[in-house]
Amino acid sequence: MGHNKVINSVDIKQTRPYRLVTGSDDNCAAFFEGPPFKFKFTIGDHSRFVNCVRFSPDGNRFATASADGQIHIYDGKTGENVCALGGSKAHDGGIYAISWSPDSTHLLSASGDKTSKIWDVNVNSVVTTFTMGSNVLDQQLGCLWQKDHLLSISLSGYINYLDKNNPSKPLRVIKGHSKSIQCLTVHKNGGKSYIYSGSHDGHINYWDSETGENDSFTGKGHTNQVSRMTVDESGQLVSCSMDDTVRYTNLTLRDYSGQGVVKLDVQPKCVAVGPGGYTVVVCIGQIVLLKDQKKCFSIDSPGYEPEVVAVHPSGDMVAVGATDGNVRLYSILGSSLKDEGKLLEAKGPVTDLAYSHDGAFLAVCDASKVVTVFSVADGYAENSVFYGHHAKIVCLAWSPDNEHFASGGMDMMVYVWTLSDPETRVKIQDAHRLHHVSSLAWLDEHTLVTTSHDASVKEWTISY
């Protein structure tokens, strides 16, 4: 008995006699008495999907909200229709959510017409209308009235703290990524450390590392997954994306401008920068050298599949890690790359590599769960090998002290290793519960930042 399509919402009256109400895609609400709850009757007052049903905290009434833009109020005990808020239309768009005030006198509603409204239920009138914007992403999909706090959720994923005294501007907006984060990097700007994170849908966010306040870059940016990011010597964020571009974005303006976009022939996988305006991009089956945001050289069929790239801090040497388990070295000569003819062997397909900040060491991690460190001054001789991960390692980063580095793997583990003693390690288990760490970076010698496909960014204090 009851519905013949999916049920979207259920609520139970919190006072005796107990009642239960459901809302469904069959345009109906259903009323049950109990417990055990038995079906009494269907309510067919709506003409579109019923998205949300809610009993008032005192149990005297319940409300139903629908995609037809209507909110109906009913008697909580008998299920009789009391009124329709706002007459024939409560909102100009579908209503996705409603929430009662703690004293059961008012109702908050959230709608696809990009507004939320507070209703005085007793006199059937709108008290406040919160206009959230004009963009599609400003549609209101959820709301909550929790004690003195009024919250709404926008299609963008932002959570808005609504201000009754100033309906046009929320008290605060909590932002973040709503898709998995692929990469991050850190940068000091005006004495403050910022974290930059790039996600699967092309969004780049910046985070204040002390307060966690964050926002996204303005303007039209990447249209697909941001795969890798780094900051160059002139303070620009260099990002490469599956939309086949490399972008240079000014970190003081944090605005995607039309300038600073380099279109590539093939999809880029990784990007690294060096002094003198050089950028090296590893694409599928291709290595590209850029100088001052222009392509100046490319190796079109290297004879192996390049995966990751790092540039030595001095800017004269480039290390390219490949799926064949080798790292190849190239020197930058003017506007070209010269193969040094040197192969460094990792223990498996190379997944990431990085030079220490002083340029003394090159760390390479691989799909065979091993990190190998090579000593640059000794002609890239193998210095030490680090075992501990139980699955493929995906990312690594050197601490500013040049003595420690961190690695993150598919085993959900993050290890912080000590260069001089491969046996000593700091272990962070289940750093991100839902997903492995996709990228990590150091804010300072004792603060590590990790991110994951769970769309969150975490800071860790590391002590040895």
Protein backbone atom coordinates (compact mmCIF):
# COMPACT_ATOMS: atom_id res chain seq x y z
CA MET A 1 0.00 0.00 0.00
CA GLY A 2 1.13 3.56 -0.47
CA HIS A 3 3.48 4.54 -3.28
CA ASN A 4 4.21 3.14 -6.72
CA LYS A 5 7.45 5.08 -7.24
CA VAL A 6 10.61 5.82 -5.25
CA ILE A 7 10.14 7.37 -1.80
CA ASN A 8 12.15 10.58 -1.37
CA SER A 9 11.46 11.52 2.23
CA VAL A 10 10.17 9.99 5.47
CA ASP A 11 9.43 11.61 8.81
CA ILE A 12 8.00 10.36 12.11
CA LYS A 13 5.99 12.48 14.53
CA GLN A 14 8.02 12.85 17.75
CA THR A 15 4.99 13.02 20.12
CA ARG A 16 2.12 10.63 20.89
CA PRO A 17 -0.04 9.54 19.13
CA TYR A 18 2.71 8.53 16.68
CA ARG A 19 2.28 9.14 12.98
CA LEU A 20 4.52 8.64 9.95
CA VAL A 21 4.45 10.40 6.61
CA THR A 22 6.29 9.68 3.33
CA GLY A 23 6.75 11.67 0.11
CA SER A 24 7.33 10.08 -3.28
CA ASP A 25 8.01 10.56 -7.00
CA ASP A 26 4.42 9.42 -7.66
CA ASN A 27 3.41 13.01 -6.69
CA CYS A 28 1.78 11.77 -3.48
CA ALA A 29 2.39 11.78 0.25
CA ALA A 30 1.21 8.84 2.37
CA PHE A 31 -0.02 8.98 5.97
CA PHE A 32 0.50 6.12 8.46
CA GLU A 33 -0.67 5.53 12.05
CA GLY A 34 1.13 3.36 14.56
CA PRO A 35 3.28 1.84 15.77
CA PRO A 36 3.32 -0.66 14.17
CA PHE A 37 2.70 1.81 11.37
CA LYS A 38 -0.29 1.02 9.20
CA PHE A 39 -1.14 2.83 5.98
CA LYS A 40 -4.16 5.14 6.40
CA PHE A 41 -4.43 7.18 3.19
CA THR A 42 -2.57 8.90 0.37
CA ILE A 43 -2.47 12.68 -0.04
CA GLY A 44 -2.63 13.80 -3.66
CA ASP A 45 -2.45 17.58 -3.33
CA HIS A 46 0.80 17.95 -5.31
CA SER A 47 1.14 17.79 -9.09
CA ARG A 48 4.88 16.93 -9.20
CA PHE A 49 7.40 14.87 -7.17
CA VAL A 50 7.13 15.25 -3.40
CA ASN A 51 10.72 15.97 -2.32
CA CYS A 52 10.47 16.52 1.42
CA VAL A 53 8.07 15.83 4.29
CA ARG A 54 8.59 17.13 7.84
CA PHE A 55 6.63 17.04 11.12
CA SER A 56 6.87 20.13 13.32
CA PRO A 57 8.85 19.48 16.55
CA ASP A 58 5.66 19.74 18.64
CA GLY A 59 3.92 17.23 16.34
CA ASN A 60 0.86 19.41 15.72
CA ARG A 61 1.48 19.78 11.98
CA PHE A 62 3.47 18.40 9.10
CA ALA A 63 4.52 20.01 5.84
CA THR A 64 5.10 18.56 2.38
CA ALA A 65 7.23 20.27 -0.28
CA SER A 66 7.19 19.42 -3.96
CA ALA A 67 8.79 20.04 -7.35
CA ASP A 68 5.54 21.87 -8.26
CA GLY A 69 6.68 24.83 -6.10
CA GLN A 70 4.04 24.24 -3.43
CA ILE A 71 4.20 23.62 0.31
CA HIS A 72 1.11 22.10 1.98
CA ILE A 73 0.55 22.14 5.74
CA TYR A 74 -1.46 19.34 7.40
CA ASP A 75 -2.79 18.46 10.84
CA GLY A 76 -0.17 16.23 12.52
CA LYS A 77 -2.70 13.91 14.14
CA THR A 78 -5.39 13.51 11.49
CA GLY A 79 -3.52 14.36 8.28
CA GLU A 80 -6.16 16.91 7.22
CA ASN A 81 -5.00 19.70 4.91
CA VAL A 82 -4.72 22.99 6.82
CA CYS A 83 -3.43 25.31 4.07
CA ALA A 84 -1.00 25.82 1.19
CA LEU A 85 1.77 28.29 2.04
CA GLY A 86 1.75 31.28 -0.29
CA GLY A 87 -1.47 30.12 -1.92
CA SER A 88 -0.93 28.44 -5.30
CA LYS A 89 2.87 28.92 -5.28
CA ALA A 90 5.36 29.07 -2.44
CA HIS A 91 8.37 29.28 -4.81
CA ASP A 92 8.88 29.89 -8.53
CA GLY A 93 10.88 26.67 -8.81
CA GLY A 94 10.77 23.19 -7.36
CA ILE A 95 11.22 22.96 -3.59
CA TYR A 96 13.90 20.52 -2.48
CA ALA A 97 13.88 20.86 1.29
CA ILE A 98 12.02 22.26 4.28
CA SER A 99 12.94 22.57 7.96
CA TRP A 100 10.83 23.70 10.94
CA SER A 101 11.92 26.23 13.55
CA PRO A 102 12.47 24.71 17.04
CA ASP A 103 9.27 26.39 18.32
CA SER A 104 7.18 24.94 15.45
CA THR A 105 5.87 28.36 14.36
CA HIS A 106 8.06 28.97 11.30
CA LEU A 107 9.28 26.94 8.33
CA LEU A 108 12.43 27.34 6.23
CA SER A 109 12.22 26.25 2.58
CA ALA A 110 14.91 25.82 -0.11
CA SER A 111 14.14 25.98 -3.81
CA GLY A 112 15.55 25.65 -7.31
CA ASP A 113 14.45 29.27 -7.89
CA LYS A 114 17.74 30.16 -6.09
CA THR A 115 16.00 31.41 -2.94
CA SER A 116 15.32 30.18 0.57
CA LYS A 117 12.32 31.52 2.48
CA ILE A 118 11.15 31.71 6.09
CA TRP A 119 7.38 31.27 6.48
CA ASP A 120 5.19 32.22 9.43
CA VAL A 121 2.96 29.16 9.30
CA ASN A 122 0.17 30.48 11.56
CA VAL A 123 -0.59 33.51 9.41
CA ASN A 124 0.57 31.90 6.12
CA SER A 125 3.02 34.60 5.04
CA VAL A 126 6.65 34.97 3.99
CA VAL A 127 8.74 36.60 6.71
CA THR A 128 12.09 36.63 4.89
CA THR A 129 13.33 35.75 1.40
CA PHE A 130 17.03 34.93 1.01
CA THR A 131 18.13 35.51 -2.59
CA MET A 132 21.25 33.46 -3.17
CA GLY A 133 22.34 34.58 -6.64
CA SER A 134 21.53 34.26 -10.33
CA ASN A 135 23.76 31.35 -11.34
CA VAL A 136 22.47 27.81 -11.88
CA LEU A 137 24.86 26.75 -9.11
CA ASP A 138 22.96 29.03 -6.68
CA GLN A 139 19.92 26.73 -6.68
CA GLN A 140 19.06 25.77 -3.09
CA LEU A 141 18.96 22.01 -2.50
CA GLY A 142 18.91 21.60 1.26
CA CYS A 143 18.20 23.53 4.45
CA LEU A 144 18.37 23.12 8.21
CA TRP A 145 17.03 25.18 11.12
CA GLN A 146 19.25 24.22 14.06
CA LYS A 147 18.59 26.28 17.21
CA ASP A 148 19.58 29.83 16.17
CA HIS A 149 21.35 28.76 12.99
CA LEU A 150 19.74 28.77 9.57
CA LEU A 151 21.69 26.80 6.96
CA SER A 152 21.15 26.16 3.28
CA ILE A 153 23.10 24.17 0.72
CA SER A 154 23.63 25.41 -2.85
CA LEU A 155 24.01 23.24 -5.94
CA SER A 156 27.66 24.40 -5.97
CA GLY A 157 28.13 22.40 -2.74
CA TYR A 158 28.56 25.57 -0.68
CA ILE A 159 26.94 25.70 2.77
CA ASN A 160 25.37 29.09 3.58
CA TYR A 161 24.77 30.48 7.07
CA LEU A 162 21.67 32.62 6.43
CA ASP A 163 21.35 36.02 8.10
CA LYS A 164 17.76 37.04 8.99
CA ASN A 165 18.89 40.65 9.42
CA ASN A 166 20.56 40.78 6.02
CA PRO A 167 18.84 38.31 3.66
CA SER A 168 20.92 39.25 0.61
CA LYS A 169 24.26 38.25 2.19
CA PRO A 170 24.94 35.08 4.20
CA LEU A 171 26.82 35.42 7.51
CA ARG A 172 29.40 33.03 6.14
CA VAL A 173 29.74 30.55 3.32
CA ILE A 174 31.60 27.28 3.74
CA LYS A 175 33.24 26.33 0.48
CA GLY A 176 35.36 23.45 -0.70
CA HIS A 177 35.59 20.83 -3.41
CA SER A 178 32.60 18.71 -4.29
CA LYS A 179 34.64 16.38 -6.51
CA SER A 180 37.74 14.31 -5.79
CA ILE A 181 40.99 16.29 -5.38
CA GLN A 182 43.85 15.16 -7.61
CA CYS A 183 46.71 17.42 -6.63
CA LEU A 184 47.88 20.16 -4.30
CA THR A 185 50.76 22.53 -3.78
CA VAL A 186 51.69 25.16 -1.19
CA HIS A 187 53.04 28.69 -1.45
CA LYS A 188 53.85 31.59 0.87
CA ASN A 189 52.14 34.80 -0.16
CA GLY A 190 52.68 38.00 1.84
CA GLY A 191 53.94 36.10 4.90
CA LYS A 192 50.97 33.72 4.87
CA SER A 193 51.07 30.12 3.74
CA TYR A 194 48.38 29.05 1.29
CA ILE A 195 47.42 25.61 0.06
CA TYR A 196 46.21 25.24 -3.52
CA SER A 197 44.17 22.19 -4.48
CA GLY A 198 42.89 21.07 -7.88
CA SER A 199 40.02 18.68 -8.44
CA HIS A 200 38.51 16.26 -10.88
CA ASP A 201 36.05 18.84 -12.27
CA GLY A 202 38.73 21.46 -13.03
CA HIS A 203 38.19 23.64 -9.96
CA ILE A 204 41.18 25.11 -8.11
CA ASN A 205 40.70 26.28 -4.51
CA TYR A 206 43.05 28.21 -2.26
CA TRP A 207 43.11 27.65 1.50
CA ASP A 208 44.50 29.82 4.28
CA SER A 209 46.67 27.26 6.09
CA GLU A 210 46.01 28.83 9.51
CA THR A 211 42.25 29.36 9.44
CA GLY A 212 41.09 26.88 6.81
CA GLU A 213 39.16 29.67 5.06
CA ASN A 214 39.05 28.93 1.36
CA ASP A 215 37.65 30.07 -1.95
CA SER A 216 37.89 29.11 -5.58
CA PHE A 217 39.70 31.03 -8.31
CA THR A 218 37.47 33.42 -10.24
CA GLY A 219 36.86 33.38 -13.99
CA LYS A 220 36.76 30.53 -16.46
CA GLY A 221 39.45 27.98 -15.68
CA HIS A 222 40.17 24.37 -16.51
CA THR A 223 37.27 22.40 -17.95
CA ASN A 224 38.52 18.98 -16.87
CA GLN A 225 40.57 17.27 -14.17
CA VAL A 226 43.54 19.25 -12.85
CA SER A 227 46.32 16.65 -12.85
CA ARG A 228 49.32 18.49 -11.40
CA MET A 229 50.16 21.92 -9.97
CA THR A 230 53.27 23.76 -8.91
CA VAL A 231 54.32 27.38 -8.28
CA ASP A 232 57.04 29.01 -10.39
CA GLU A 233 59.65 31.57 -9.31
CA SER A 234 57.49 34.54 -10.34
CA GLY A 235 54.68 33.43 -8.01
CA GLN A 236 52.40 31.96 -10.64
CA LEU A 237 50.46 28.76 -10.19
CA VAL A 238 51.29 26.44 -13.07
CA SER A 239 48.62 23.79 -13.57
CA CYS A 240 48.14 21.09 -16.18
CA SER A 241 44.81 19.52 -16.93
CA MET A 242 43.05 16.83 -18.93
CA ASP A 243 41.60 19.68 -21.02
CA ASP A 244 44.99 19.60 -22.83
CA THR A 245 46.19 22.93 -21.44
CA VAL A 246 48.84 24.28 -19.10
CA ARG A 247 47.72 27.43 -17.27
CA TYR A 248 49.73 30.14 -15.56
CA THR A 249 47.62 31.91 -12.92
CA ASN A 250 48.70 34.94 -10.90
CA LEU A 251 48.52 34.08 -7.20
CA THR A 252 47.92 37.62 -6.01
CA LEU A 253 44.90 38.06 -8.31
CA ARG A 254 43.75 34.41 -8.23
CA ASP A 255 41.86 35.05 -11.41
CA TYR A 256 41.96 32.94 -14.55
CA SER A 257 42.81 35.39 -17.27
CA GLY A 258 42.60 34.73 -20.99
CA GLN A 259 46.38 35.02 -21.03
CA GLY A 260 48.61 32.35 -19.63
CA VAL A 261 46.96 29.39 -21.36
CA VAL A 262 49.20 27.08 -23.38
CA LYS A 263 47.34 24.60 -25.59
CA LEU A 264 49.11 21.27 -26.02
CA ASP A 265 48.80 18.67 -28.78
CA VAL A 266 48.43 15.80 -26.34
CA GLN A 267 46.97 15.43 -22.86
CA PRO A 268 49.45 16.46 -20.14
CA LYS A 269 50.03 14.27 -17.08
CA CYS A 270 52.59 16.15 -15.03
CA VAL A 271 54.27 19.55 -14.91
CA ALA A 272 57.45 20.86 -13.24
CA VAL A 273 59.08 24.30 -13.20
CA GLY A 274 62.64 25.55 -12.94
CA PRO A 275 64.35 28.94 -12.66
CA GLY A 276 64.65 31.13 -15.76
CA GLY A 277 61.01 30.74 -16.82
CA TYR A 278 61.29 27.08 -17.78
CA THR A 279 58.41 24.62 -17.51
CA VAL A 280 58.61 20.94 -18.45
CA VAL A 281 55.39 19.10 -19.23
CA VAL A 282 55.06 15.35 -19.55
CA CYS A 283 52.21 14.40 -21.88
CA ILE A 284 51.02 11.04 -23.16
CA GLY A 285 53.98 9.93 -25.30
CA GLN A 286 55.55 13.37 -25.39
CA ILE A 287 57.81 15.71 -23.38
CA VAL A 288 57.38 19.45 -23.92
CA LEU A 289 59.69 22.28 -22.83
CA LEU A 290 58.14 25.73 -22.33
CA LYS A 291 60.05 28.95 -21.81
CA ASP A 292 58.22 32.09 -20.65
CA GLN A 293 54.85 30.42 -21.30
CA LYS A 294 55.69 29.44 -24.88
CA LYS A 295 56.47 26.04 -26.37
CA CYS A 296 60.09 25.97 -27.45
CA PHE A 297 60.95 22.27 -27.74
CA SER A 298 59.38 18.84 -27.66
CA ILE A 299 60.47 15.22 -27.72
CA ASP A 300 57.67 13.62 -29.70
CA SER A 301 58.33 9.91 -29.53
CA PRO A 302 60.73 9.28 -26.67
CA GLY A 303 60.50 5.50 -27.13
CA TYR A 304 58.97 4.99 -23.67
CA GLU A 305 55.87 6.24 -21.81
CA PRO A 306 56.85 9.21 -19.62
CA GLU A 307 54.75 9.56 -16.46
CA VAL A 308 56.23 12.19 -14.12
CA VAL A 309 58.83 14.95 -14.22
CA ALA A 310 60.99 17.00 -11.83
CA VAL A 311 63.40 19.87 -12.48
CA HIS A 312 66.59 20.21 -10.42
CA PRO A 313 66.54 23.39 -8.26
CA SER A 314 69.58 24.73 -10.18
CA GLY A 315 67.47 24.48 -13.35
CA ASP A 316 70.00 22.60 -15.47
CA MET A 317 68.70 19.03 -15.19
CA VAL A 318 65.32 17.38 -15.75
CA ALA A 319 64.40 13.92 -14.44
CA VAL A 320 61.60 12.04 -16.24
CA GLY A 321 60.10 8.93 -14.67
CA ALA A 322 58.49 6.34 -16.88
CA THR A 323 56.17 3.35 -16.79
CA ASP A 324 59.10 1.09 -17.78
CA GLY A 325 60.58 1.58 -14.29
CA ASN A 326 63.38 3.91 -15.34
CA VAL A 327 64.21 7.56 -14.75
CA ARG A 328 65.93 9.38 -17.61
CA LEU A 329 67.92 12.57 -17.25
CA TYR A 330 67.84 15.50 -19.68
CA SER A 331 69.82 18.71 -19.49
CA ILE A 332 68.22 22.04 -20.41
CA LEU A 333 70.36 23.78 -23.04
CA GLY A 334 68.93 27.15 -24.08
CA SER A 335 65.64 26.20 -25.65
CA SER A 336 66.10 22.45 -25.97
CA LEU A 337 66.41 19.27 -23.94
CA LYS A 338 69.43 17.01 -24.37
CA ASP A 339 69.22 13.34 -23.37
CA GLU A 340 72.11 12.63 -20.98
CA GLY A 341 71.93 8.93 -21.90
CA LYS A 342 71.67 7.94 -18.24
CA LEU A 343 69.15 5.44 -16.88
CA LEU A 344 68.28 5.34 -13.17
CA GLU A 345 66.50 2.14 -12.26
CA ALA A 346 63.54 2.21 -9.89
CA LYS A 347 62.01 -1.03 -8.59
CA GLY A 348 58.85 -0.72 -10.68
CA PRO A 349 56.82 1.68 -12.88
CA VAL A 350 57.64 5.20 -11.65
CA THR A 351 54.63 6.99 -10.08
CA ASP A 352 56.27 10.16 -8.73
CA LEU A 353 59.68 11.74 -8.19
CA ALA A 354 61.09 14.84 -6.55
CA TYR A 355 64.40 16.60 -5.95
CA SER A 356 65.23 17.67 -2.39
CA HIS A 357 65.13 21.47 -2.01
CA ASP A 358 68.93 21.70 -1.80
CA GLY A 359 69.22 19.63 -4.98
CA ALA A 360 71.36 16.96 -3.32
CA PHE A 361 68.99 14.02 -3.73
CA LEU A 362 66.37 12.66 -6.11
CA ALA A 363 63.63 10.51 -4.56
CA VAL A 364 61.69 8.16 -6.84
CA CYS A 365 58.62 6.14 -5.84
CA ASP A 366 57.11 3.31 -7.82
CA ALA A 367 54.21 0.91 -8.25
CA SER A 368 56.29 -1.83 -6.57
CA LYS A 369 55.86 -0.14 -3.16
CA VAL A 370 59.43 1.18 -2.93
CA VAL A 371 61.05 4.62 -2.65
CA THR A 372 64.59 4.83 -4.05
CA VAL A 373 66.78 7.86 -3.31
CA PHE A 374 69.66 8.77 -5.64
CA SER A 375 72.58 11.02 -4.71
CA VAL A 376 72.99 13.78 -7.30
CA ALA A 377 76.62 14.66 -6.45
CA ASP A 378 77.69 11.01 -6.80
CA GLY A 379 76.53 10.85 -10.40
CA TYR A 380 73.03 9.78 -9.32
CA ALA A 381 74.28 6.67 -7.53
CA GLU A 382 71.66 4.84 -5.46
CA ASN A 383 71.82 6.23 -1.91
CA SER A 384 69.17 4.27 -0.04
CA VAL A 385 65.96 2.29 -0.50
CA PHE A 386 62.83 2.63 1.62
CA TYR A 387 60.41 -0.26 2.14
CA GLY A 388 57.16 -0.15 4.13
CA HIS A 389 54.18 0.53 1.89
CA HIS A 390 51.87 -2.42 1.23
CA ALA A 391 50.60 -1.13 -2.10
CA LYS A 392 51.54 1.14 -4.98
CA ILE A 393 53.00 4.49 -3.85
CA VAL A 394 51.38 7.41 -5.66
CA CYS A 395 52.99 10.61 -4.37
CA LEU A 396 55.98 11.97 -2.48
CA ALA A 397 57.29 15.30 -1.23
CA TRP A 398 60.48 16.52 0.47
CA SER A 399 60.42 18.40 3.75
CA PRO A 400 62.14 21.82 3.71
CA ASP A 401 64.78 20.32 6.05
CA ASN A 402 66.04 18.11 3.15
CA GLU A 403 66.43 15.26 5.64
CA HIS A 404 62.84 13.93 5.62
CA PHE A 405 60.34 13.17 2.91
CA ALA A 406 56.78 11.88 2.91
CA SER A 407 55.12 9.31 0.66
CA GLY A 408 51.47 8.34 0.21
CA GLY A 409 50.23 5.06 -1.17
CA MET A 410 47.21 3.06 -2.27
CA ASP A 411 47.50 1.25 1.09
CA MET A 412 45.90 4.39 2.69
CA MET A 413 49.23 5.01 4.45
CA VAL A 414 51.41 8.08 4.66
CA TYR A 415 55.02 7.51 5.75
CA VAL A 416 57.50 10.21 6.71
CA TRP A 417 61.00 8.85 6.08
CA THR A 418 64.39 9.92 7.42
CA LEU A 419 67.06 10.04 4.73
CA SER A 420 69.98 8.97 6.92
CA ASP A 421 68.06 6.08 8.51
CA PRO A 422 65.60 4.15 6.30
CA GLU A 423 64.41 2.17 9.35
CA THR A 424 63.13 5.25 11.21
CA ARG A 425 59.76 6.40 9.99
CA VAL A 426 56.63 8.21 11.11
CA LYS A 427 53.53 6.31 10.08
CA ILE A 428 50.10 7.91 9.50
CA GLN A 429 47.49 5.21 9.14
CA ASP A 430 44.20 5.80 7.30
CA ALA A 431 45.18 9.43 6.71
CA HIS A 432 41.99 9.74 4.66
CA ARG A 433 39.49 7.04 5.61
CA LEU A 434 37.54 6.82 2.38
CA HIS A 435 40.36 7.01 -0.13
CA HIS A 436 44.09 6.86 -0.56
CA VAL A 437 46.15 10.06 -0.45
CA SER A 438 46.36 11.55 -3.94
CA SER A 439 48.85 14.33 -3.20
CA LEU A 440 50.92 15.78 -0.38
CA ALA A 441 53.10 18.82 0.36
CA TRP A 442 54.98 20.44 3.26
CA LEU A 443 54.02 23.82 4.72
CA ASP A 444 57.11 23.83 6.94
CA GLU A 445 59.51 21.34 8.57
CA HIS A 446 56.82 20.03 10.91
CA THR A 447 53.58 20.49 8.97
CA LEU A 448 52.46 18.13 6.23
CA VAL A 449 49.37 18.67 4.06
CA THR A 450 47.57 15.73 2.46
CA THR A 451 44.62 15.46 0.12
CA SER A 452 42.59 12.64 -1.29
CA HIS A 453 39.75 11.65 -3.59
CA ASP A 454 37.51 12.14 -0.52
CA ALA A 455 37.61 15.87 -1.49
CA SER A 456 39.16 17.00 1.80
CA VAL A 457 42.47 18.64 2.69
CA LYS A 458 44.18 17.79 6.00
CA GLU A 459 47.10 19.30 7.89
CA TRP A 460 49.32 17.14 10.10
CA THR A 461 51.88 18.16 12.70
CA ILE A 462 54.87 15.85 12.40
CA SER A 463 57.31 15.39 15.30
CA TYR A 464 60.36 13.13 15.19
